[in-house]
Protein backbone atom coordinates (compact mmCIF):
# COMPACT_ATOMS: atom_id res chain seq x y z
CA MET A 1 107.13 107.75 95.42
CA SER A 2 103.80 105.39 94.08
CA LEU A 3 100.59 105.54 96.32
CA GLN A 4 100.72 102.00 95.92
CA ARG A 5 104.30 101.77 96.66
CA PHE A 6 103.81 103.18 99.95
CA LEU A 7 100.35 101.60 100.78
CA GLN A 8 102.63 98.28 99.85
CA ASP A 9 105.48 99.53 101.94
CA TRP A 10 104.02 101.16 104.82
CA ALA A 11 100.37 101.52 105.54
CA ILE A 12 99.04 97.76 105.41
CA PRO A 13 102.03 96.48 107.67
CA ALA A 14 101.59 99.10 109.92
CA ALA A 15 96.94 98.91 109.63
CA ILE A 16 97.94 95.42 110.63
CA GLY A 17 100.39 96.23 113.24
CA LEU A 18 97.80 98.12 114.83
CA LEU A 19 94.41 95.31 114.29
CA LEU A 20 97.23 92.93 116.02
CA ALA A 21 98.01 95.51 118.88
CA ALA A 22 94.02 96.07 119.31
CA SER A 23 93.38 91.94 119.80
CA ALA A 24 95.92 91.86 121.94
CA LEU A 25 94.46 94.32 124.66
CA LEU A 26 90.94 92.76 124.05
CA LEU A 27 92.33 89.22 124.80
CA PHE A 28 95.11 90.31 127.30
CA PRO A 29 92.99 93.05 129.42
CA GLN A 30 95.56 93.11 132.11
CA LEU A 31 98.02 94.26 129.80
CA ARG A 32 96.29 97.74 129.44
CA ASN A 33 97.64 98.47 132.41
CA GLY A 34 101.43 97.60 131.56
CA ALA A 35 103.29 93.94 131.58
CA PHE A 36 105.60 94.79 133.91
CA GLY A 37 103.54 95.07 137.16
CA PRO A 38 99.95 96.16 138.32
CA ASP A 39 98.86 99.84 138.19
CA ARG A 40 99.98 101.81 141.45
CA ASP A 41 96.06 102.28 141.62
CA GLU A 42 95.58 98.77 142.14
CA TRP A 43 98.46 97.76 144.71
CA ASN A 44 96.53 95.71 147.74
CA GLY A 45 100.16 94.82 149.40
CA PRO A 46 100.36 95.95 153.55
CA VAL A 47 101.79 99.43 152.64
CA SER A 48 100.80 100.69 155.83
CA TYR A 49 98.79 99.79 159.29
CA ALA A 50 97.88 103.14 160.03
CA ARG A 51 93.74 102.47 159.80
CA ALA A 52 94.37 99.54 162.06
CA VAL A 53 95.76 101.52 164.50
CA ASN A 54 94.49 104.45 164.28
CA SER A 55 91.22 102.77 165.38
CA ALA A 56 92.29 100.43 168.40
CA SER A 57 95.85 102.83 170.14
CA PRO A 58 92.84 105.05 171.89
CA ALA A 59 91.48 101.63 173.05
CA VAL A 60 94.70 101.30 174.71
CA VAL A 61 95.80 102.77 178.23
CA ASN A 62 98.79 102.74 180.39
CA ILE A 63 98.55 101.72 183.67
CA TYR A 64 101.11 102.49 186.80
CA THR A 65 100.60 100.82 190.44
CA ARG A 66 102.01 101.34 194.29
CA ASN A 67 102.24 99.04 196.45
CA ALA A 68 104.65 99.62 200.02
CA VAL A 69 106.73 97.00 200.36
CA PRO A 70 107.92 96.53 204.74
CA GLN A 71 111.11 97.16 205.53
CA ARG A 72 113.10 94.60 206.73
CA ARG A 73 113.86 95.43 210.67
CA HIS A 74 116.37 95.61 212.71
CA PRO A 75 115.73 92.77 216.02
CA LEU A 76 116.47 95.44 218.58
CA LEU A 77 113.63 96.94 217.21
CA GLU A 78 111.70 94.26 219.33
CA ASN A 79 113.01 95.45 222.61
CA PRO A 80 110.56 97.61 224.04
CA ALA A 81 113.09 99.47 225.45
CA PHE A 82 115.04 100.58 222.79
CA ARG A 83 111.68 101.32 220.50
CA ALA A 84 110.81 103.35 223.36
CA LEU A 85 114.04 105.33 222.91
CA LEU A 86 113.95 105.47 219.74
CA GLU A 87 110.93 106.83 219.61
CA SER A 88 112.39 110.06 222.11
CA THR A 89 114.62 111.10 219.84
CA ASP A 90 114.45 112.89 215.74
CA LEU A 91 115.64 110.29 213.77
CA PRO A 92 114.22 109.78 211.42
CA GLN A 93 111.92 106.25 212.03
CA LEU A 94 111.75 103.34 209.32
CA ARG A 95 109.48 103.12 206.81
CA ASP A 96 107.80 100.94 203.75
CA ARG A 97 109.41 101.24 200.66
CA MET A 98 107.30 102.43 197.84
CA GLN A 99 107.74 100.03 194.64
CA ALA A 100 106.21 101.41 191.09
CA ASN A 101 105.23 99.02 188.02
CA LEU A 102 104.13 99.45 185.14
CA GLY A 103 101.99 98.07 182.28
CA SER A 104 99.27 98.03 179.51
CA GLY A 105 95.70 97.19 179.28
CA VAL A 106 92.89 97.47 177.05
CA ILE A 107 89.47 98.82 177.41
CA VAL A 108 87.14 96.53 176.04
CA SER A 109 83.24 98.14 176.78
CA GLU A 110 82.34 102.08 177.02
CA ASP A 111 81.06 100.92 180.77
CA GLY A 112 84.82 101.13 181.68
CA TYR A 113 85.91 97.53 182.03
CA ILE A 114 89.72 97.60 181.74
CA LEU A 115 91.61 94.29 180.48
CA THR A 116 95.14 93.79 181.90
CA ASN A 117 97.02 91.12 183.39
CA HIS A 118 97.63 90.15 186.97
CA HIS A 119 100.67 90.03 187.41
CA VAL A 120 100.28 93.83 185.91
CA ILE A 121 98.49 94.41 189.13
CA ASN A 122 99.53 92.52 191.90
CA GLN A 123 99.36 93.67 195.10
CA ALA A 124 98.88 96.49 193.98
CA ASP A 125 98.24 99.22 196.71
CA ALA A 126 96.67 102.07 194.61
CA ILE A 127 95.97 102.22 190.56
CA THR A 128 96.41 104.57 187.93
CA VAL A 129 95.37 104.45 184.46
CA TYR A 130 97.02 107.23 181.81
CA LEU A 131 94.10 106.80 178.56
CA ALA A 132 95.14 107.70 175.01
CA ASP A 133 93.53 111.06 174.95
CA GLY A 134 95.47 112.48 178.06
CA ARG A 135 92.89 111.27 180.69
CA GLU A 136 93.69 110.14 183.51
CA ALA A 137 91.83 107.78 186.75
CA ARG A 138 92.35 106.12 189.62
CA ALA A 139 91.46 102.35 189.08
CA GLU A 140 88.98 99.96 190.92
CA LEU A 141 90.51 96.58 190.92
CA VAL A 142 87.20 94.12 189.99
CA GLY A 143 88.72 90.85 189.95
CA THR A 144 91.85 89.10 188.76
CA GLU A 145 92.63 85.18 188.11
CA PRO A 146 96.18 84.77 188.41
CA ASN A 147 95.39 80.68 187.37
CA PHE A 148 95.05 83.08 184.10
CA ASP A 149 96.78 85.86 184.63
CA LEU A 150 94.89 88.28 184.09
CA ALA A 151 92.64 90.99 186.03
CA VAL A 152 89.74 93.26 185.43
CA LEU A 153 89.50 97.12 186.42
CA LYS A 154 86.85 99.39 186.15
CA VAL A 155 87.17 103.83 185.45
CA ASP A 156 84.21 105.41 185.53
CA ILE A 157 85.17 107.99 182.66
CA PRO A 158 82.73 109.95 179.94
CA ASP A 159 83.51 108.86 176.32
CA LEU A 160 85.66 105.98 176.13
CA HIS A 161 86.45 103.85 173.35
CA ALA A 162 86.07 100.17 173.50
CA ILE A 163 88.00 97.73 170.93
CA GLU A 164 86.32 96.31 168.76
CA VAL A 165 86.99 92.11 168.81
CA GLY A 166 88.06 89.99 166.19
CA ASP A 167 88.04 85.91 166.01
CA PRO A 168 90.96 83.87 167.41
CA GLU A 169 89.88 80.97 166.45
CA LYS A 170 90.57 81.72 163.10
CA ALA A 171 94.02 83.76 163.14
CA GLN A 172 96.40 81.68 160.90
CA VAL A 173 100.06 81.15 161.55
CA GLY A 174 101.66 83.53 159.06
CA ASP A 175 99.28 86.41 159.85
CA ILE A 176 100.31 89.79 160.54
CA VAL A 177 99.22 91.57 163.62
CA LEU A 178 100.86 94.65 165.56
CA ALA A 179 101.54 94.28 169.64
CA ILE A 180 100.37 98.15 171.76
CA GLY A 181 101.36 98.32 175.09
CA ASN A 182 103.42 100.86 177.49
CA PRO A 183 107.28 99.01 176.65
CA PHE A 184 109.73 100.19 179.51
CA GLY A 185 107.25 103.20 180.23
CA VAL A 186 108.82 105.46 176.59
CA GLY A 187 104.89 106.11 175.90
CA GLN A 188 102.25 104.06 173.65
CA THR A 189 103.90 102.34 171.16
CA VAL A 190 103.16 99.62 168.01
CA THR A 191 105.37 96.65 167.33
CA GLN A 192 104.40 94.38 164.28
CA GLY A 193 105.10 90.80 163.62
CA ILE A 194 103.46 87.58 162.62
CA ILE A 195 101.88 84.49 164.01
CA SER A 196 104.67 82.42 164.77
CA ALA A 197 102.71 79.43 166.37
CA THR A 198 98.79 78.68 167.56
CA GLY A 199 97.61 75.53 170.27
CA ALA A 200 97.76 75.16 173.71
CA ARG A 201 101.24 75.59 175.99
CA ASN A 202 101.78 75.43 179.49
CA LEU A 203 103.97 78.55 180.77
CA THR A 204 103.65 78.01 184.40
CA ASN A 205 107.66 78.33 184.42
CA TYR A 206 107.22 81.62 181.95
CA GLY A 207 104.29 84.10 184.47
CA ALA A 208 101.62 83.23 182.27
CA GLY A 209 99.10 81.21 184.73
CA GLY A 210 99.15 77.94 185.75
CA TRP A 211 95.91 76.43 183.70
CA LEU A 212 96.88 75.03 179.91
CA GLN A 213 95.79 77.84 177.69
CA ASN A 214 95.46 78.17 173.56
CA PHE A 215 97.96 80.54 173.49
CA LEU A 216 98.86 82.96 170.26
CA GLN A 217 102.23 83.59 169.55
CA THR A 218 104.07 85.85 167.56
CA ASP A 219 107.87 87.42 167.09
CA ALA A 220 106.23 90.54 167.59
CA ALA A 221 108.44 92.94 169.82
CA VAL A 222 107.27 92.40 173.81
CA ASN A 223 109.31 94.02 175.94
CA PRO A 224 107.85 95.23 180.39
CA GLY A 225 105.67 96.97 179.93
CA ASN A 226 103.35 95.80 177.12
CA SER A 227 102.65 93.11 179.70
CA GLY A 228 98.02 93.73 179.30
CA GLY A 229 98.07 95.00 176.32
CA PRO A 230 96.53 94.21 172.85
CA LEU A 231 97.01 92.23 170.20
CA VAL A 232 95.56 93.02 167.49
CA ASP A 233 94.91 92.48 163.90
CA THR A 234 95.26 94.25 160.46
CA ARG A 235 92.09 95.39 161.12
CA GLY A 236 92.83 96.64 164.29
CA ARG A 237 90.31 94.01 165.91
CA LEU A 238 91.59 92.16 169.59
CA LEU A 239 92.67 88.87 169.13
CA GLY A 240 95.10 88.52 171.99
CA ILE A 241 96.24 90.46 175.88
CA ASN A 242 99.76 89.90 175.37
CA THR A 243 101.45 88.09 178.65
CA SER A 244 104.63 86.34 178.53
CA ILE A 245 108.21 86.55 176.71
CA LEU A 246 110.09 83.13 176.78
CA ASP A 247 113.26 84.73 177.51
CA LYS A 248 113.56 85.24 181.32
CA SER A 249 115.65 87.99 180.77
CA GLY A 250 112.70 90.22 180.54
CA TYR A 251 113.83 91.40 176.81
CA THR A 252 111.56 90.17 173.87
CA GLY A 253 113.27 87.29 172.25
CA GLY A 254 111.21 86.60 169.26
CA ILE A 255 108.62 84.92 171.10
CA SER A 256 106.32 86.01 173.14
CA PHE A 257 102.33 84.42 174.23
CA ALA A 258 99.28 86.37 173.94
CA ILE A 259 95.90 84.98 175.53
CA PRO A 260 93.06 84.03 173.17
CA ALA A 261 90.32 87.27 173.26
CA ASN A 262 87.88 84.65 173.39
CA ILE A 263 89.62 83.26 176.69
CA ALA A 264 90.30 86.43 177.91
CA LEU A 265 87.31 88.14 177.47
CA LYS A 266 85.34 84.66 179.28
CA VAL A 267 87.68 84.77 181.98
CA MET A 268 86.28 89.26 182.42
CA GLU A 269 82.20 88.12 182.25
CA ASP A 270 83.12 85.20 185.39
CA ILE A 271 84.74 87.42 186.96
CA ILE A 272 81.85 90.61 186.85
CA GLU A 273 79.20 88.23 187.31
CA TYR A 274 81.10 85.04 189.82
CA GLY A 275 83.49 86.69 191.16
CA ARG A 276 85.76 84.04 189.65
CA VAL A 277 86.62 81.48 187.19
CA VAL A 278 83.73 79.05 186.46
CA PRO A 279 85.48 76.68 183.52
CA GLY A 280 82.81 73.74 181.59
CA TRP A 281 82.51 70.98 182.89
CA LEU A 282 81.19 67.61 180.99
CA GLY A 283 81.93 65.15 183.70
CA ILE A 284 84.89 63.21 181.69
CA GLU A 285 88.10 61.67 182.38
CA ALA A 286 89.76 61.45 179.34
CA ILE A 287 93.36 60.51 177.46
CA ASP A 288 94.56 62.10 174.92
CA LEU A 289 95.00 59.59 171.85
CA SER A 290 98.74 60.58 170.48
CA ARG A 291 100.18 59.40 173.88
CA ALA A 292 98.49 56.30 173.55
CA PRO A 293 99.25 54.79 170.23
CA GLN A 294 98.21 51.33 171.19
CA LEU A 295 94.39 52.60 172.49
CA ALA A 296 93.93 53.58 168.00
CA ARG A 297 94.82 50.24 167.38
CA THR A 298 92.28 48.45 170.07
CA PHE A 299 90.00 50.91 168.51
CA ASN A 300 90.89 50.21 165.05
CA LEU A 301 91.82 53.01 163.95
CA PRO A 302 94.17 55.01 161.82
CA GLN A 303 97.27 56.33 163.17
CA SER A 304 96.33 59.92 162.07
CA THR A 305 93.10 60.07 163.84
CA GLU A 306 93.65 62.57 166.83
CA GLY A 307 90.96 63.38 169.78
CA MET A 308 91.06 61.91 173.42
CA VAL A 309 89.64 58.54 174.86
CA VAL A 310 87.24 57.99 177.03
CA THR A 311 88.46 56.44 180.31
CA ALA A 312 85.70 57.52 182.68
CA ILE A 313 82.46 58.81 182.87
CA TYR A 314 80.57 60.69 186.22
CA ASN A 315 77.52 59.63 186.82
CA GLU A 316 74.83 61.81 185.77
CA GLY A 317 77.78 64.38 184.52
CA PRO A 318 77.03 65.59 181.37
CA ALA A 319 78.92 63.42 179.30
CA PHE A 320 76.53 60.28 181.21
CA ASN A 321 73.46 62.80 180.23
CA ALA A 322 74.34 62.69 177.09
CA GLY A 323 75.31 59.24 176.31
CA LEU A 324 78.71 59.06 175.93
CA LYS A 325 80.71 56.12 177.10
CA PRO A 326 83.82 54.94 178.04
CA GLY A 327 85.54 53.66 174.92
CA ASP A 328 84.68 57.19 172.63
CA VAL A 329 87.24 58.34 170.83
CA LEU A 330 85.91 62.37 170.94
CA THR A 331 87.62 64.19 167.85
CA HIS A 332 85.66 68.09 168.00
CA ILE A 333 83.70 70.24 170.14
CA ASN A 334 81.45 72.54 168.49
CA GLY A 335 83.06 71.54 165.21
CA LEU A 336 86.85 72.40 167.26
CA PRO A 337 88.94 69.46 166.48
CA LEU A 338 90.07 68.79 169.97
CA ARG A 339 93.50 66.79 168.41
CA ASN A 340 95.06 66.36 172.22
CA GLY A 341 94.53 66.91 175.64
CA MET A 342 95.68 70.81 175.85
CA ARG A 343 93.74 71.64 173.48
CA GLY A 344 90.68 70.25 174.61
CA LEU A 345 91.21 71.83 178.17
CA ALA A 346 92.11 75.19 176.56
CA THR A 347 88.67 74.45 174.44
CA MET A 348 86.82 73.95 178.03
CA PHE A 349 87.49 76.89 179.81
CA THR A 350 85.82 78.98 177.29
CA LEU A 351 82.71 77.32 177.67
CA ARG A 352 80.39 78.51 180.22
CA PRO A 353 77.48 76.27 182.60
CA GLY A 354 74.52 76.03 180.97
CA ASP A 355 75.84 75.86 177.46
CA THR A 356 74.87 73.76 175.47
CA VAL A 357 78.03 72.19 173.02
CA THR A 358 77.90 69.69 170.24
CA ILE A 359 80.46 66.45 170.64
CA SER A 360 81.49 65.04 168.05
CA PHE A 361 83.44 61.33 168.63
CA ILE A 362 83.63 57.55 167.20
CA ARG A 363 82.72 54.73 168.70
CA ASP A 364 83.19 50.91 167.07
CA GLY A 365 84.36 52.68 164.25
CA THR A 366 81.30 54.75 163.55
CA GLU A 367 81.69 59.20 163.95
CA SER A 368 78.60 60.21 165.45
CA SER A 369 78.03 63.62 167.31
CA VAL A 370 75.39 64.08 170.46
CA GLU A 371 74.65 67.67 172.30
CA ALA A 372 75.53 67.78 176.03
CA VAL A 373 74.66 70.73 178.29
CA VAL A 374 78.05 71.95 179.85
CA ALA A 375 77.67 71.77 183.90
CA GLU A 376 79.74 73.75 186.82
CA PRO A 377 82.96 71.61 187.96
CA PRO A 378 81.35 69.99 191.33
CA LYS A 379 82.57 70.22 194.60
CA PRO A 380 85.19 67.42 195.58
CA GLN A 381 83.85 64.75 198.08
CA GLY A 382 83.45 65.82 201.64
CA GLU A 383 83.81 69.45 201.29
CA ASN A 384 80.05 69.69 200.12
CA PRO A 385 77.91 66.27 199.52
CA GLU A 386 75.02 68.20 197.69
CA GLN A 387 77.55 68.97 195.04
CA ALA A 388 79.78 66.64 194.98
CA ALA A 389 80.15 64.20 192.25
CA PRO A 390 79.00 60.95 191.94
CA PRO A 391 82.52 58.24 190.86
CA PRO A 392 82.87 57.91 188.07
CA THR A 393 82.55 55.31 186.11
CA GLN A 394 85.30 53.36 184.47
CA GLU A 395 85.98 52.03 181.35
């Protein structure tokens, strides 16, 4: 074979092929790692949540409580003669029965404050806390708020690991979450799921307190013993306190709820500072616009408008002093959409007296905003006339 024939048949085509391949790699750099998928070192998918668990689990505690349950007394024991005869014998005396309960909690400050559920420690005579590192201590009950199903405990132990707090307001449906707790007393356990829904729920009938709250709903397995434990994100940051499951049998049915961390911490701060929860008050009576569509037509608002229509303003209250009037349609507080009455009520629970809030509203078809200073709800008239609220101005 001559050199000229070799160059024509092999060398020149091979050189052209190499030039085309090099050009393709320059134009499409993703081809350098293979055309059928990313390089293993560059994979960003959720391979493991071990880092999140290692960050959050040292702050999770197991809680055991004991309380005495009075036994039913026989009517004859009320007879002095029979009781004296019984006491003179060696028969065992009727004593109260001791009942044990278990749950979980989360350390939220290095000085020993722990958040858990009210129903975990309700009527407990003794509360013992077991830490993830094996230490244990008797816990002091700082205070409790049944309406939020929250309780605050305090332990005196050095070198505590406090959990990092996330932002539940940024949680979205579909986000991966982890529930950490002590189900059935088997020891610290982690379950995984997603945020199934957000928004206000009324779970009064399911043991989650008597006030409407902006719950986080998840399908992460939450069983007896998980109550009071944390719901965390994929970085191990606290998003909420697990509080209730929808299945009244007591076992997870894929629907459970957590109290958002911002609400839980606000309740804790109130209990520590005031000994009770002090909700914010703007001095407004309002109705959910979606429940009264005729009001939207009356105010010439689009049917898609969400918010609350002010029906009354308390004289000299925060809203009155800010310039709000009956008929105004409130749409946002501090930039957060109210959407409906439940969301608005839940938003108020995160505010404290003295906070300055920005209220966005619609009046006569024009969007505006004002600032108001949140106050403490006044006592009912007759209980303390000096602190009673003046009657509201009706629309």
